Amino acid sequence: MSVLAGGAVAAGLLTATMASPASALSCGYNDNDNGKAVYRHCGNTTVRIETTNVFGGKSYQCVAPGDTVLGDTWFIRGSHYIGGVGCSPVTIPPR
């Protein structure tokens, strides 16, 4: 009986510690979510981000809370927050 109970507890712990793919992303830039580069904004306002591609080119976006797919992982080299809280969620030209 105790072996069965121990097995049930172990199975319960295994289930509790397995993260779903969506929850595996952290806030900010994530470079491989099923082959896609994703920016996860965890705040409750829009913010401006700068994204760099494989050729060194930069683009600027205003992103809403949640996940924004930036492109294929091989093409996107990074993205980071640059301010602009409350911006309009459209592509923003460089300053």
C-alpha atoms as a PDB file:
ATOM      1  CA  MET A   1       0.000   0.000   0.000  1.00  0.00           C
ATOM      2  CA  SER A   2       2.783   2.467   0.844  1.00  0.00           C
ATOM      3  CA  VAL A   3       4.505   1.769  -2.489  1.00  0.00           C
ATOM      4  CA  LEU A   4       1.279   2.550  -4.302  1.00  0.00           C
ATOM      5  CA  ALA A   5       0.833   5.724  -2.279  1.00  0.00           C
ATOM      6  CA  GLY A   6       4.464   6.734  -2.902  1.00  0.00           C
ATOM      7  CA  GLY A   7       4.022   6.112  -6.625  1.00  0.00           C
ATOM      8  CA  ALA A   8       0.899   8.239  -6.667  1.00  0.00           C
ATOM      9  CA  VAL A   9       2.713  11.056  -4.883  1.00  0.00           C
ATOM     10  CA  ALA A  10       5.665  10.838  -7.274  1.00  0.00           C
ATOM     11  CA  ALA A  11       3.341  10.927 -10.269  1.00  0.00           C
ATOM     12  CA  GLY A  12       1.580  13.957  -8.799  1.00  0.00           C
ATOM     13  CA  LEU A  13       4.879  15.796  -8.355  1.00  0.00           C
ATOM     14  CA  LEU A  14       5.921  15.004 -11.899  1.00  0.00           C
ATOM     15  CA  THR A  15       2.678  16.421 -13.237  1.00  0.00           C
ATOM     16  CA  ALA A  16       2.961  19.541 -11.090  1.00  0.00           C
ATOM     17  CA  THR A  17       6.498  20.383 -12.231  1.00  0.00           C
ATOM     18  CA  MET A  18       6.013  19.913 -15.972  1.00  0.00           C
ATOM     19  CA  ALA A  19       5.569  23.303 -17.624  1.00  0.00           C
ATOM     20  CA  SER A  20       3.447  23.760 -20.680  1.00  0.00           C
ATOM     21  CA  PRO A  21       5.234  25.216 -23.718  1.00  0.00           C
ATOM     22  CA  ALA A  22       3.389  28.527 -23.351  1.00  0.00           C
ATOM     23  CA  SER A  23       4.440  28.991 -19.719  1.00  0.00           C
ATOM     24  CA  ALA A  24       8.073  28.123 -20.559  1.00  0.00           C
ATOM     25  CA  LEU A  25       8.521  31.560 -22.174  1.00  0.00           C
ATOM     26  CA  SER A  26       9.926  34.266 -19.929  1.00  0.00           C
ATOM     27  CA  CYS A  27       9.067  37.956 -20.023  1.00  0.00           C
ATOM     28  CA  GLY A  28      11.031  39.733 -22.751  1.00  0.00           C
ATOM     29  CA  TYR A  29      12.826  38.180 -25.716  1.00  0.00           C
ATOM     30  CA  ASN A  30      12.618  34.417 -26.284  1.00  0.00           C
ATOM     31  CA  ASP A  31      14.675  33.061 -29.162  1.00  0.00           C
ATOM     32  CA  ASN A  32      13.151  29.681 -29.893  1.00  0.00           C
ATOM     33  CA  ASP A  33       9.469  28.964 -29.455  1.00  0.00           C
ATOM     34  CA  ASN A  34       8.887  26.268 -32.068  1.00  0.00           C
ATOM     35  CA  GLY A  35      11.312  27.963 -34.458  1.00  0.00           C
ATOM     36  CA  LYS A  36       9.983  31.481 -33.840  1.00  0.00           C
ATOM     37  CA  ALA A  37      11.468  34.442 -31.999  1.00  0.00           C
ATOM     38  CA  VAL A  38       8.863  35.789 -29.573  1.00  0.00           C
ATOM     39  CA  TYR A  39       8.724  38.895 -27.381  1.00  0.00           C
ATOM     40  CA  ARG A  40       6.562  38.305 -24.287  1.00  0.00           C
ATOM     41  CA  HIS A  41       5.408  41.540 -22.688  1.00  0.00           C
ATOM     42  CA  CYS A  42       4.210  40.818 -19.161  1.00  0.00           C
ATOM     43  CA  GLY A  43       3.065  44.340 -18.288  1.00  0.00           C
ATOM     44  CA  ASN A  44      -0.409  45.801 -18.708  1.00  0.00           C
ATOM     45  CA  THR A  45       0.413  48.667 -21.105  1.00  0.00           C
ATOM     46  CA  THR A  46       1.926  48.831 -24.578  1.00  0.00           C
ATOM     47  CA  VAL A  47       5.710  49.338 -24.843  1.00  0.00           C
ATOM     48  CA  ARG A  48       8.255  49.996 -27.586  1.00  0.00           C
ATOM     49  CA  ILE A  49      10.850  47.333 -28.481  1.00  0.00           C
ATOM     50  CA  GLU A  50      13.887  47.301 -30.763  1.00  0.00           C
ATOM     51  CA  THR A  51      14.546  44.101 -32.739  1.00  0.00           C
ATOM     52  CA  THR A  52      17.804  43.223 -34.511  1.00  0.00           C
ATOM     53  CA  ASN A  53      17.938  40.814 -37.445  1.00  0.00           C
ATOM     54  CA  VAL A  54      20.726  38.536 -38.692  1.00  0.00           C
ATOM     55  CA  PHE A  55      22.076  41.264 -41.010  1.00  0.00           C
ATOM     56  CA  GLY A  56      22.270  43.850 -38.207  1.00  0.00           C
ATOM     57  CA  GLY A  57      19.160  45.709 -39.336  1.00  0.00           C
ATOM     58  CA  LYS A  58      16.912  47.124 -36.645  1.00  0.00           C
ATOM     59  CA  SER A  59      13.156  47.512 -36.470  1.00  0.00           C
ATOM     60  CA  TYR A  60      10.981  49.200 -33.884  1.00  0.00           C
ATOM     61  CA  GLN A  61       7.569  48.056 -32.732  1.00  0.00           C
ATOM     62  CA  CYS A  62       4.975  48.923 -30.175  1.00  0.00           C
ATOM     63  CA  VAL A  63       3.781  45.709 -28.561  1.00  0.00           C
ATOM     64  CA  ALA A  64       0.704  44.996 -26.485  1.00  0.00           C
ATOM     65  CA  PRO A  65       0.666  42.747 -23.407  1.00  0.00           C
ATOM     66  CA  GLY A  66       1.162  39.091 -24.285  1.00  0.00           C
ATOM     67  CA  ASP A  67       3.207  37.394 -27.004  1.00  0.00           C
ATOM     68  CA  THR A  68       4.364  39.013 -30.244  1.00  0.00           C
ATOM     69  CA  VAL A  69       5.936  36.732 -32.858  1.00  0.00           C
ATOM     70  CA  LEU A  70       8.910  38.604 -34.328  1.00  0.00           C
ATOM     71  CA  GLY A  71       9.907  36.139 -37.029  1.00  0.00           C
ATOM     72  CA  ASP A  72      11.885  32.973 -37.590  1.00  0.00           C
ATOM     73  CA  THR A  73      14.563  32.209 -34.994  1.00  0.00           C
ATOM     74  CA  TRP A  74      17.334  32.038 -37.620  1.00  0.00           C
ATOM     75  CA  PHE A  75      16.519  35.587 -38.792  1.00  0.00           C
ATOM     76  CA  ILE A  76      15.996  37.426 -35.479  1.00  0.00           C
ATOM     77  CA  ARG A  77      19.057  37.990 -33.282  1.00  0.00           C
ATOM     78  CA  GLY A  78      17.464  39.799 -30.357  1.00  0.00           C
ATOM     79  CA  SER A  79      14.886  42.246 -29.109  1.00  0.00           C
ATOM     80  CA  HIS A  80      14.653  44.466 -26.049  1.00  0.00           C
ATOM     81  CA  TYR A  81      12.489  47.059 -24.344  1.00  0.00           C
ATOM     82  CA  ILE A  82      13.353  50.687 -25.172  1.00  0.00           C
ATOM     83  CA  GLY A  83      10.564  52.588 -23.405  1.00  0.00           C
ATOM     84  CA  GLY A  84       7.532  54.117 -25.036  1.00  0.00           C
ATOM     85  CA  VAL A  85       4.968  53.053 -22.450  1.00  0.00           C
ATOM     86  CA  GLY A  86       1.494  53.657 -23.831  1.00  0.00           C
ATOM     87  CA  CYS A  87       2.597  53.767 -27.497  1.00  0.00           C
ATOM     88  CA  SER A  88       0.215  52.942 -30.332  1.00  0.00           C
ATOM     89  CA  PRO A  89       0.569  49.265 -31.397  1.00  0.00           C
ATOM     90  CA  VAL A  90       1.908  49.882 -34.902  1.00  0.00           C
ATOM     91  CA  THR A  91       5.414  49.795 -36.359  1.00  0.00           C
ATOM     92  CA  ILE A  92       7.280  52.840 -35.096  1.00  0.00           C
ATOM     93  CA  PRO A  93      10.064  54.406 -37.205  1.00  0.00           C
ATOM     94  CA  PRO A  94      13.501  54.829 -35.602  1.00  0.00           C
ATOM     95  CA  ARG A  95      14.196  58.087 -33.809  1.00  0.00           C
END
